[in-house]
Amino acid sequence: MPVEFLTDEQAEAYGKFAEEPTRPELERFFFLDDVDRDLIALRRTPHHQLGFALQMCTVRYVGLFLGEDPLDVPWSVVEPAATGSNPPSAG
C-alpha cells in the first residue's frame, strides 16, 4: 500500500527551485572551490562551463539535476556561476 509522506506543496516543490536561496544557502551550496573550477574549466565553451556549473550546484542544493525547464534558475544562482565568482559572503 503506497504511503504519502510529502504534502502536496512539498511534492510540487520537489526537485526544483521553489524559492530564492538564502545567503547562507548560497554560501553553502553554490561556493565553487579550486577543484570545482578545474572541473568546470575542462568544458569546451563558456556556455558549457556555465551549464555544467549550474547543474553541479543544483545537484548540491536541490538533490537533482535541472528538470523540465533548465532555465528556471534564480538569478542569484546564475550570476556568480556566469561571472566565475562565488556568492557574496555574509561577513
N, C-alpha and C. Protein backbone atom coordinates (compact mmCIF):
# COMPACT_ATOMS: atom_id res chain seq x y z
N MET A 1 0.84 -1.17 0.00
CA MET A 1 0.00 0.00 0.00
C MET A 1 0.90 1.24 0.00
N PRO A 2 0.73 2.14 -0.97
CA PRO A 2 1.55 3.35 -1.03
C PRO A 2 1.25 4.28 0.15
N VAL A 3 2.29 4.95 0.58
CA VAL A 3 2.16 5.89 1.68
C VAL A 3 2.64 7.25 1.20
N GLU A 4 1.86 8.28 1.45
CA GLU A 4 2.28 9.64 1.10
C GLU A 4 2.93 10.28 2.31
N PHE A 5 4.16 10.73 2.14
CA PHE A 5 4.85 11.37 3.25
C PHE A 5 5.17 12.82 2.96
N LEU A 6 4.86 13.30 1.76
CA LEU A 6 5.04 14.71 1.42
C LEU A 6 3.67 15.36 1.28
N THR A 7 3.58 16.59 1.72
CA THR A 7 2.35 17.34 1.47
C THR A 7 2.29 17.67 -0.01
N ASP A 8 1.15 18.10 -0.49
CA ASP A 8 1.03 18.48 -1.90
C ASP A 8 2.00 19.61 -2.23
N GLU A 9 2.15 20.55 -1.32
CA GLU A 9 3.08 21.67 -1.53
C GLU A 9 4.53 21.19 -1.61
N GLN A 10 4.91 20.26 -0.74
CA GLN A 10 6.27 19.72 -0.77
C GLN A 10 6.51 18.92 -2.05
N ALA A 11 5.53 18.14 -2.46
CA ALA A 11 5.66 17.35 -3.68
C ALA A 11 5.81 18.26 -4.90
N GLU A 12 5.07 19.36 -4.93
CA GLU A 12 5.16 20.31 -6.05
C GLU A 12 6.53 20.98 -6.11
N ALA A 13 7.12 21.25 -4.96
CA ALA A 13 8.41 21.94 -4.89
C ALA A 13 9.60 21.00 -5.05
N TYR A 14 9.38 19.70 -4.99
CA TYR A 14 10.48 18.73 -5.02
C TYR A 14 11.25 18.80 -6.34
N GLY A 15 12.57 18.85 -6.24
CA GLY A 15 13.43 18.78 -7.41
C GLY A 15 13.55 20.06 -8.20
N LYS A 16 13.16 21.19 -7.63
CA LYS A 16 13.29 22.46 -8.35
C LYS A 16 13.51 23.58 -7.35
N PHE A 17 13.83 24.73 -7.86
CA PHE A 17 13.99 25.91 -7.02
C PHE A 17 12.60 26.43 -6.68
N ALA A 18 12.13 26.15 -5.48
CA ALA A 18 10.80 26.60 -5.08
C ALA A 18 10.82 28.07 -4.70
N GLU A 19 11.98 28.54 -4.25
CA GLU A 19 12.13 29.94 -3.87
C GLU A 19 13.60 30.33 -4.02
N GLU A 20 13.85 31.60 -3.91
CA GLU A 20 15.22 32.13 -4.00
C GLU A 20 16.05 31.58 -2.82
N PRO A 21 17.24 31.03 -3.10
CA PRO A 21 18.08 30.56 -1.99
C PRO A 21 18.50 31.72 -1.08
N THR A 22 18.60 31.44 0.20
CA THR A 22 19.05 32.44 1.15
C THR A 22 20.56 32.62 1.03
N ARG A 23 21.08 33.68 1.61
CA ARG A 23 22.53 33.92 1.56
C ARG A 23 23.32 32.74 2.15
N PRO A 24 22.93 32.21 3.34
CA PRO A 24 23.67 31.05 3.86
C PRO A 24 23.60 29.83 2.93
N GLU A 25 22.46 29.64 2.27
CA GLU A 25 22.35 28.54 1.31
C GLU A 25 23.25 28.77 0.11
N LEU A 26 23.30 30.01 -0.38
CA LEU A 26 24.19 30.32 -1.50
C LEU A 26 25.64 30.04 -1.12
N GLU A 27 26.02 30.46 0.09
CA GLU A 27 27.40 30.24 0.53
C GLU A 27 27.72 28.76 0.68
N ARG A 28 26.75 27.98 1.12
CA ARG A 28 26.99 26.56 1.38
C ARG A 28 26.95 25.72 0.11
N PHE A 29 25.97 25.91 -0.73
CA PHE A 29 25.75 25.02 -1.86
C PHE A 29 26.30 25.53 -3.19
N PHE A 30 26.55 26.82 -3.30
CA PHE A 30 26.93 27.39 -4.58
C PHE A 30 28.35 27.94 -4.59
N PHE A 31 29.11 27.68 -3.55
CA PHE A 31 30.51 28.08 -3.50
C PHE A 31 31.32 27.13 -4.37
N LEU A 32 32.15 27.68 -5.24
CA LEU A 32 32.99 26.87 -6.13
C LEU A 32 34.43 26.96 -5.67
N ASP A 33 34.98 25.82 -5.23
CA ASP A 33 36.38 25.81 -4.81
C ASP A 33 37.28 25.54 -6.02
N ASP A 34 38.58 25.45 -5.79
CA ASP A 34 39.52 25.27 -6.90
C ASP A 34 39.29 23.97 -7.66
N VAL A 35 38.93 22.91 -6.96
CA VAL A 35 38.66 21.63 -7.61
C VAL A 35 37.44 21.76 -8.53
N ASP A 36 36.39 22.43 -8.04
CA ASP A 36 35.20 22.67 -8.87
C ASP A 36 35.57 23.47 -10.11
N ARG A 37 36.33 24.53 -9.92
CA ARG A 37 36.70 25.40 -11.05
C ARG A 37 37.55 24.65 -12.08
N ASP A 38 38.44 23.78 -11.61
CA ASP A 38 39.25 22.98 -12.54
C ASP A 38 38.36 22.04 -13.35
N LEU A 39 37.38 21.44 -12.69
CA LEU A 39 36.45 20.54 -13.37
C LEU A 39 35.60 21.30 -14.39
N ILE A 40 35.14 22.47 -14.02
CA ILE A 40 34.34 23.30 -14.92
C ILE A 40 35.17 23.74 -16.13
N ALA A 41 36.44 24.07 -15.89
CA ALA A 41 37.31 24.56 -16.97
C ALA A 41 37.56 23.51 -18.05
N LEU A 42 37.32 22.24 -17.75
CA LEU A 42 37.51 21.18 -18.75
C LEU A 42 36.43 21.21 -19.83
N ARG A 43 35.35 21.92 -19.61
CA ARG A 43 34.28 22.01 -20.60
C ARG A 43 34.73 22.93 -21.74
N ARG A 44 34.22 22.68 -22.93
CA ARG A 44 34.73 23.33 -24.14
C ARG A 44 34.46 24.82 -24.24
N THR A 45 33.24 25.22 -24.08
CA THR A 45 32.89 26.62 -24.31
C THR A 45 32.36 27.25 -23.03
N PRO A 46 32.33 28.58 -22.98
CA PRO A 46 31.75 29.24 -21.81
C PRO A 46 30.30 28.80 -21.53
N HIS A 47 29.54 28.53 -22.60
CA HIS A 47 28.15 28.08 -22.41
C HIS A 47 28.12 26.73 -21.70
N HIS A 48 28.99 25.81 -22.14
CA HIS A 48 29.05 24.50 -21.49
C HIS A 48 29.54 24.62 -20.05
N GLN A 49 30.49 25.52 -19.83
CA GLN A 49 31.02 25.71 -18.48
C GLN A 49 29.93 26.23 -17.55
N LEU A 50 29.14 27.19 -18.02
CA LEU A 50 28.05 27.72 -17.21
C LEU A 50 27.01 26.64 -16.93
N GLY A 51 26.63 25.91 -17.96
CA GLY A 51 25.65 24.84 -17.77
C GLY A 51 26.12 23.78 -16.79
N PHE A 52 27.39 23.41 -16.91
CA PHE A 52 27.96 22.41 -16.00
C PHE A 52 27.97 22.93 -14.57
N ALA A 53 28.39 24.19 -14.39
CA ALA A 53 28.44 24.78 -13.05
C ALA A 53 27.04 24.84 -12.44
N LEU A 54 26.05 25.23 -13.23
CA LEU A 54 24.67 25.30 -12.72
C LEU A 54 24.14 23.93 -12.34
N GLN A 55 24.43 22.93 -13.17
CA GLN A 55 23.98 21.57 -12.85
C GLN A 55 24.66 21.07 -11.58
N MET A 56 25.96 21.31 -11.45
CA MET A 56 26.70 20.85 -10.28
C MET A 56 26.14 21.49 -9.00
N CYS A 57 25.91 22.77 -9.04
CA CYS A 57 25.38 23.47 -7.85
C CYS A 57 23.93 23.09 -7.58
N THR A 58 23.15 22.88 -8.63
CA THR A 58 21.76 22.48 -8.45
C THR A 58 21.66 21.11 -7.79
N VAL A 59 22.52 20.19 -8.19
CA VAL A 59 22.52 18.87 -7.55
C VAL A 59 22.85 18.99 -6.07
N ARG A 60 23.77 19.85 -5.74
CA ARG A 60 24.12 20.06 -4.32
C ARG A 60 22.95 20.63 -3.53
N TYR A 61 22.23 21.56 -4.13
CA TYR A 61 21.18 22.28 -3.41
C TYR A 61 19.84 21.53 -3.43
N VAL A 62 19.41 21.14 -4.62
CA VAL A 62 18.09 20.54 -4.79
C VAL A 62 18.14 19.02 -4.61
N GLY A 63 19.28 18.43 -4.96
CA GLY A 63 19.42 16.98 -4.89
C GLY A 63 19.16 16.29 -6.20
N LEU A 64 18.82 17.05 -7.23
CA LEU A 64 18.57 16.51 -8.57
C LEU A 64 19.15 17.47 -9.60
N PHE A 65 19.35 16.96 -10.82
CA PHE A 65 19.74 17.83 -11.91
C PHE A 65 18.55 18.69 -12.31
N LEU A 66 18.82 19.78 -13.04
CA LEU A 66 17.73 20.64 -13.50
C LEU A 66 16.74 19.81 -14.30
N GLY A 67 15.48 20.01 -14.06
CA GLY A 67 14.45 19.16 -14.65
C GLY A 67 13.86 19.69 -15.93
N GLU A 68 12.54 19.81 -15.93
CA GLU A 68 11.78 20.15 -17.13
C GLU A 68 12.21 21.46 -17.77
N ASP A 69 12.48 22.45 -16.97
CA ASP A 69 12.87 23.76 -17.51
C ASP A 69 14.23 24.16 -16.96
N PRO A 70 15.30 23.87 -17.72
CA PRO A 70 16.64 24.20 -17.23
C PRO A 70 16.90 25.69 -17.08
N LEU A 71 16.00 26.51 -17.58
CA LEU A 71 16.15 27.96 -17.44
C LEU A 71 15.48 28.48 -16.17
N ASP A 72 14.83 27.61 -15.43
CA ASP A 72 14.11 28.00 -14.22
C ASP A 72 15.06 28.00 -13.02
N VAL A 73 16.03 28.92 -13.07
CA VAL A 73 17.05 29.04 -12.03
C VAL A 73 17.07 30.49 -11.58
N PRO A 74 17.04 30.74 -10.28
CA PRO A 74 17.08 32.13 -9.81
C PRO A 74 18.36 32.84 -10.24
N TRP A 75 18.25 34.12 -10.53
CA TRP A 75 19.39 34.91 -10.98
C TRP A 75 20.52 34.92 -9.94
N SER A 76 20.17 34.84 -8.66
CA SER A 76 21.20 34.84 -7.62
C SER A 76 22.08 33.60 -7.70
N VAL A 77 21.62 32.58 -8.41
CA VAL A 77 22.41 31.37 -8.64
C VAL A 77 23.19 31.50 -9.94
N VAL A 78 22.55 32.04 -10.97
CA VAL A 78 23.18 32.14 -12.30
C VAL A 78 24.33 33.14 -12.31
N GLU A 79 24.12 34.30 -11.72
CA GLU A 79 25.11 35.38 -11.82
C GLU A 79 26.51 34.98 -11.33
N PRO A 80 26.66 34.42 -10.12
CA PRO A 80 28.01 34.03 -9.70
C PRO A 80 28.62 32.96 -10.60
N ALA A 81 27.80 32.01 -11.05
CA ALA A 81 28.32 30.96 -11.93
C ALA A 81 28.76 31.55 -13.27
N ALA A 82 28.01 32.52 -13.78
CA ALA A 82 28.32 33.12 -15.07
C ALA A 82 29.57 33.99 -15.02
N THR A 83 29.81 34.62 -13.89
CA THR A 83 30.96 35.52 -13.78
C THR A 83 32.20 34.82 -13.23
N GLY A 84 32.02 33.56 -12.78
CA GLY A 84 33.15 32.83 -12.23
C GLY A 84 33.48 33.22 -10.80
N SER A 85 32.58 33.98 -10.18
CA SER A 85 32.80 34.39 -8.79
C SER A 85 31.98 33.49 -7.87
N ASN A 86 32.16 33.67 -6.60
CA ASN A 86 31.37 32.95 -5.62
C ASN A 86 30.32 33.88 -5.05
N PRO A 87 29.26 33.32 -4.46
CA PRO A 87 28.24 34.18 -3.85
C PRO A 87 28.87 35.08 -2.79
N PRO A 88 28.34 36.28 -2.62
CA PRO A 88 28.89 37.17 -1.59
C PRO A 88 28.74 36.56 -0.21
N SER A 89 29.75 36.72 0.62
CA SER A 89 29.68 36.14 1.96
C SER A 89 28.92 37.09 2.88
N ALA A 90 28.43 36.52 3.95
CA ALA A 90 27.65 37.30 4.90
C ALA A 90 28.54 38.15 5.80
N GLY A 91 29.89 37.91 5.73
CA GLY A 91 30.85 38.56 6.60
C GLY A 91 30.72 40.02 6.66
